[in-house]
Amino acid sequence: MIDHGHDLASLHDATERLLSAAAELDDAAVARPSRLPGWTLGHLLAHLARNADALVNVLEGRPMYASDDARDADIERDAPRPLDVHLSDVRESAARLRAASAVPADWSRTVELRNGVTDSAARVPFRRWVEVELHHVDLGIGYELEDLPAEFLEREIAFLAERFAGRPDVPRTRLTDGTRAWSTGREAEKPEITVTGPAPDLLGWLSGRRDGSTLTVEGGPLPALPPL
């Protein structure tokens, strides 16, 4: 059972952490490369603001983005702005999403996201929480996968493992941090591969943010995952 109210509170805390950290930057940092190829810190901050507005669209029954081209153009347009404008935009767009989430609604309803992906409305706050936490890491300003809340790490590993489940190009794989375990990959009677490591390293590999070289693999080589 998804507790969207809990996730909204966690999202708010994550947003405040990101804003507080980014407020220590200066205007020159906006043009600095982020950890995402081809994107500056300004691109990431612009994306976070526009993504919040896009999720307002989702909750209110409109298309998430007018088009992929429009989404990309908005990010490119906003990326060079001064830091204070970025921070205000991220803060104000987050407030708009919070307001849209406060409107009484059927949280069990199905909503449509980008590229025809559907999900329950109740999972939208978690999806936004993912955006904020992982892109905070992508800014490269001192917040690492090891700093992510334990609950978030566990749930995002489970979410990504589910995303790759049933993929015929991914061997049946058991993931474990030594305490908890998740399964992913194609259907099989038993796991073909077992991947073991700390939760931050597992998430880094699943999300394409680490190469998996610190993980222990049994049963074969580390599986190649398709892009998210």
Protein backbone atom coordinates (compact mmCIF):
# COMPACT_ATOMS: atom_id res chain seq x y z
CA MET A 1 0.00 0.00 0.00
CA ILE A 2 1.52 3.32 -1.10
CA ASP A 3 1.28 6.09 1.50
CA HIS A 4 1.31 9.17 -0.72
CA GLY A 5 1.05 11.48 2.29
CA HIS A 6 4.22 10.03 3.76
CA ASP A 7 5.96 10.34 0.39
CA LEU A 8 4.88 13.97 0.04
CA ALA A 9 6.46 14.73 3.42
CA SER A 10 9.64 12.90 2.42
CA LEU A 11 9.67 14.76 -0.89
CA HIS A 12 9.39 18.09 0.92
CA ASP A 13 12.38 17.21 3.13
CA ALA A 14 14.43 16.12 0.11
CA THR A 15 13.59 19.33 -1.74
CA GLU A 16 14.66 21.44 1.22
CA ARG A 17 17.96 19.54 1.43
CA LEU A 18 18.63 20.17 -2.24
CA LEU A 19 17.72 23.86 -2.05
CA SER A 20 19.87 24.41 1.04
CA ALA A 21 22.85 22.74 -0.61
CA ALA A 22 22.41 24.56 -3.93
CA ALA A 23 22.11 27.91 -2.12
CA GLU A 24 25.81 27.56 -1.20
CA LEU A 25 26.74 27.77 -4.90
CA ASP A 26 27.30 30.90 -6.97
CA ASP A 27 26.24 32.01 -10.43
CA ALA A 28 29.40 30.59 -12.02
CA ALA A 29 28.46 27.12 -10.78
CA VAL A 30 25.33 27.11 -12.92
CA ALA A 31 27.47 26.58 -16.03
CA ARG A 32 29.58 23.84 -14.42
CA PRO A 33 29.20 20.32 -15.84
CA SER A 34 26.97 18.04 -13.80
CA ARG A 35 27.43 14.29 -13.54
CA LEU A 36 24.90 13.78 -16.33
CA PRO A 37 26.65 13.90 -19.72
CA GLY A 38 25.88 17.07 -21.64
CA TRP A 39 24.07 18.78 -18.78
CA THR A 40 25.29 21.60 -16.58
CA LEU A 41 24.07 22.23 -13.05
CA GLY A 42 21.74 24.77 -14.63
CA HIS A 43 20.22 22.09 -16.85
CA LEU A 44 19.54 19.91 -13.81
CA LEU A 45 17.94 22.71 -11.80
CA ALA A 46 15.82 23.74 -14.79
CA HIS A 47 14.74 20.12 -15.29
CA LEU A 48 13.72 19.80 -11.65
CA ALA A 49 11.51 22.87 -11.87
CA ARG A 50 9.87 21.89 -15.13
CA ASN A 51 9.41 18.29 -13.94
CA ALA A 52 7.44 19.54 -10.92
CA ASP A 53 5.14 21.50 -13.23
CA ALA A 54 4.85 18.47 -15.51
CA LEU A 55 3.66 16.36 -12.58
CA VAL A 56 1.05 18.99 -11.78
CA ASN A 57 -0.18 18.38 -15.33
CA VAL A 58 -0.28 14.63 -14.63
CA LEU A 59 -2.29 15.02 -11.43
CA GLU A 60 -4.71 17.40 -13.15
CA GLY A 61 -5.28 15.09 -16.12
CA ARG A 62 -3.24 16.90 -18.78
CA PRO A 63 -0.32 15.54 -20.82
CA MET A 64 2.88 15.57 -18.79
CA TYR A 65 4.73 17.55 -21.47
CA ALA A 66 3.44 19.14 -24.66
CA SER A 67 6.10 17.09 -26.48
CA ASP A 68 9.63 15.79 -25.96
CA ASP A 69 10.94 18.66 -28.06
CA ALA A 70 9.09 21.21 -25.92
CA ARG A 71 10.45 19.60 -22.73
CA ASP A 72 14.02 19.75 -24.03
CA ALA A 73 13.60 23.31 -25.30
CA ASP A 74 12.32 24.52 -21.93
CA ILE A 75 15.35 23.03 -20.16
CA GLU A 76 17.78 24.57 -22.66
CA ARG A 77 16.03 27.94 -22.36
CA ASP A 78 16.17 27.99 -18.57
CA ALA A 79 19.58 26.41 -17.95
CA PRO A 80 21.72 29.64 -18.17
CA ARG A 81 19.66 31.63 -15.65
CA PRO A 82 21.27 33.09 -12.50
CA LEU A 83 21.35 30.84 -9.45
CA ASP A 84 18.77 32.80 -7.48
CA VAL A 85 16.28 32.51 -10.34
CA HIS A 86 16.85 28.74 -10.48
CA LEU A 87 16.35 28.36 -6.74
CA SER A 88 13.16 30.41 -6.76
CA ASP A 89 11.84 28.38 -9.68
CA VAL A 90 12.58 25.04 -8.02
CA ARG A 91 10.99 26.26 -4.77
CA GLU A 92 7.90 27.74 -6.41
CA SER A 93 7.29 24.82 -8.76
CA ALA A 94 7.60 22.46 -5.77
CA ALA A 95 4.96 24.54 -3.99
CA ARG A 96 2.66 24.26 -7.01
CA LEU A 97 3.05 20.49 -6.98
CA ARG A 98 2.40 20.39 -3.24
CA ALA A 99 -0.78 22.47 -3.75
CA ALA A 100 -1.99 20.19 -6.55
CA SER A 101 -1.35 17.19 -4.31
CA ALA A 102 -3.46 18.72 -1.52
CA VAL A 103 -6.61 18.78 -3.66
CA PRO A 104 -8.99 15.95 -2.62
CA ALA A 105 -8.75 13.24 -5.27
CA ASP A 106 -8.89 9.52 -5.92
CA TRP A 107 -5.27 8.53 -5.35
CA SER A 108 -5.94 5.02 -6.64
CA ARG A 109 -6.71 6.32 -10.14
CA THR A 110 -4.38 5.61 -13.05
CA VAL A 111 -2.45 8.54 -14.50
CA GLU A 112 -0.35 8.81 -17.63
CA LEU A 113 3.25 9.94 -17.45
CA ARG A 114 5.82 10.50 -20.21
CA ASN A 115 6.06 8.19 -23.24
CA GLY A 116 2.76 6.50 -22.45
CA VAL A 117 3.90 5.12 -19.08
CA THR A 118 1.02 4.72 -16.64
CA ASP A 119 1.00 4.41 -12.87
CA SER A 120 -1.27 5.03 -9.91
CA ALA A 121 -1.62 8.65 -8.82
CA ALA A 122 -0.41 7.56 -5.38
CA ARG A 123 3.04 6.75 -6.79
CA VAL A 124 3.55 10.24 -8.28
CA PRO A 125 5.00 11.71 -5.05
CA PHE A 126 7.53 8.86 -4.86
CA ARG A 127 8.48 9.32 -8.50
CA ARG A 128 9.12 13.01 -7.79
CA TRP A 129 11.09 12.08 -4.67
CA VAL A 130 13.30 9.94 -6.94
CA GLU A 131 13.89 12.90 -9.25
CA VAL A 132 14.92 15.18 -6.40
CA GLU A 133 17.17 12.70 -4.56
CA LEU A 134 19.02 11.30 -7.57
CA HIS A 135 19.47 14.65 -9.28
CA HIS A 136 20.79 16.09 -6.01
CA VAL A 137 23.49 13.42 -6.32
CA ASP A 138 23.93 14.28 -10.01
CA LEU A 139 24.71 17.90 -9.13
CA GLY A 140 28.02 16.68 -7.69
CA ILE A 141 28.01 19.13 -4.80
CA GLY A 142 28.72 16.80 -1.89
CA TYR A 143 25.54 14.70 -1.69
CA GLU A 144 26.26 11.08 -2.58
CA LEU A 145 24.30 7.85 -2.90
CA GLU A 146 25.56 6.98 0.58
CA ASP A 147 23.72 10.05 1.91
CA LEU A 148 20.31 8.93 0.65
CA PRO A 149 17.75 7.98 3.31
CA ALA A 150 17.69 4.25 4.06
CA GLU A 151 13.99 3.97 3.22
CA PHE A 152 14.54 5.65 -0.12
CA LEU A 153 17.44 3.36 -0.99
CA GLU A 154 15.39 0.24 -0.30
CA ARG A 155 12.33 1.43 -2.19
CA GLU A 156 14.21 2.73 -5.21
CA ILE A 157 16.19 -0.51 -5.54
CA ALA A 158 12.88 -2.39 -5.44
CA PHE A 159 11.37 0.02 -7.99
CA LEU A 160 14.25 -0.39 -10.45
CA ALA A 161 14.41 -4.15 -9.93
CA GLU A 162 10.73 -4.26 -10.84
CA ARG A 163 11.40 -2.12 -13.90
CA PHE A 164 13.89 -4.65 -15.28
CA ALA A 165 11.81 -7.68 -14.24
CA GLY A 166 10.67 -9.84 -17.14
CA ARG A 167 13.27 -8.41 -19.53
CA PRO A 168 14.49 -11.33 -21.70
CA ASP A 169 17.84 -9.55 -22.24
CA VAL A 170 18.60 -9.44 -18.49
CA PRO A 171 19.42 -12.78 -16.79
CA ARG A 172 17.40 -13.71 -13.74
CA THR A 173 19.31 -11.90 -11.02
CA ARG A 174 19.17 -11.87 -7.24
CA LEU A 175 20.28 -8.60 -5.69
CA THR A 176 21.24 -8.47 -2.02
CA ASP A 177 22.91 -6.11 0.41
CA GLY A 178 23.47 -8.99 2.80
CA THR A 179 20.23 -8.33 4.68
CA ARG A 180 17.56 -7.66 2.09
CA ALA A 181 17.09 -9.23 -1.34
CA TRP A 182 15.39 -8.30 -4.59
CA SER A 183 14.90 -10.15 -7.89
CA THR A 184 15.00 -8.83 -11.42
CA GLY A 185 15.52 -9.97 -15.00
CA ARG A 186 13.86 -12.59 -17.14
CA GLU A 187 11.55 -15.30 -15.87
CA ALA A 188 13.41 -18.35 -14.54
CA GLU A 189 12.93 -21.00 -11.89
CA LYS A 190 15.95 -19.77 -9.94
CA PRO A 191 18.44 -16.90 -10.14
CA GLU A 192 21.22 -17.28 -12.68
CA ILE A 193 23.30 -14.46 -11.19
CA THR A 194 23.65 -13.15 -7.63
CA VAL A 195 24.87 -9.57 -7.18
CA THR A 196 25.90 -8.52 -3.68
CA GLY A 197 26.97 -5.16 -2.32
CA PRO A 198 25.98 -2.18 -0.19
CA ALA A 199 22.62 -0.66 -1.05
CA PRO A 200 24.15 2.59 -2.43
CA ASP A 201 26.31 0.59 -4.85
CA LEU A 202 23.37 -1.57 -5.91
CA LEU A 203 21.30 1.54 -6.61
CA GLY A 204 24.20 3.18 -8.39
CA TRP A 205 24.49 0.23 -10.75
CA LEU A 206 20.74 -0.14 -11.33
CA SER A 207 20.34 3.58 -12.06
CA GLY A 208 23.39 3.81 -14.34
CA ARG A 209 25.28 6.05 -11.92
CA ARG A 210 28.00 3.51 -11.05
CA ASP A 211 29.60 0.79 -13.12
CA GLY A 212 29.10 -1.99 -10.58
CA SER A 213 32.83 -2.65 -10.21
CA THR A 214 32.54 -2.71 -6.40
CA LEU A 215 29.82 -5.37 -6.44
CA THR A 216 30.41 -9.09 -5.93
CA VAL A 217 28.94 -11.23 -8.71
CA GLU A 218 28.36 -15.00 -8.62
CA GLY A 219 27.16 -17.20 -11.47
CA GLY A 220 28.51 -15.15 -14.36
CA PRO A 221 29.46 -11.61 -15.33
CA LEU A 222 27.61 -8.56 -14.07
CA PRO A 223 24.52 -8.24 -16.29
CA ALA A 224 24.37 -5.40 -18.78
CA LEU A 225 21.26 -3.38 -18.01
CA PRO A 226 19.25 -1.56 -20.69
CA PRO A 227 19.12 2.23 -20.35
CA LEU A 228 16.37 3.68 -18.19
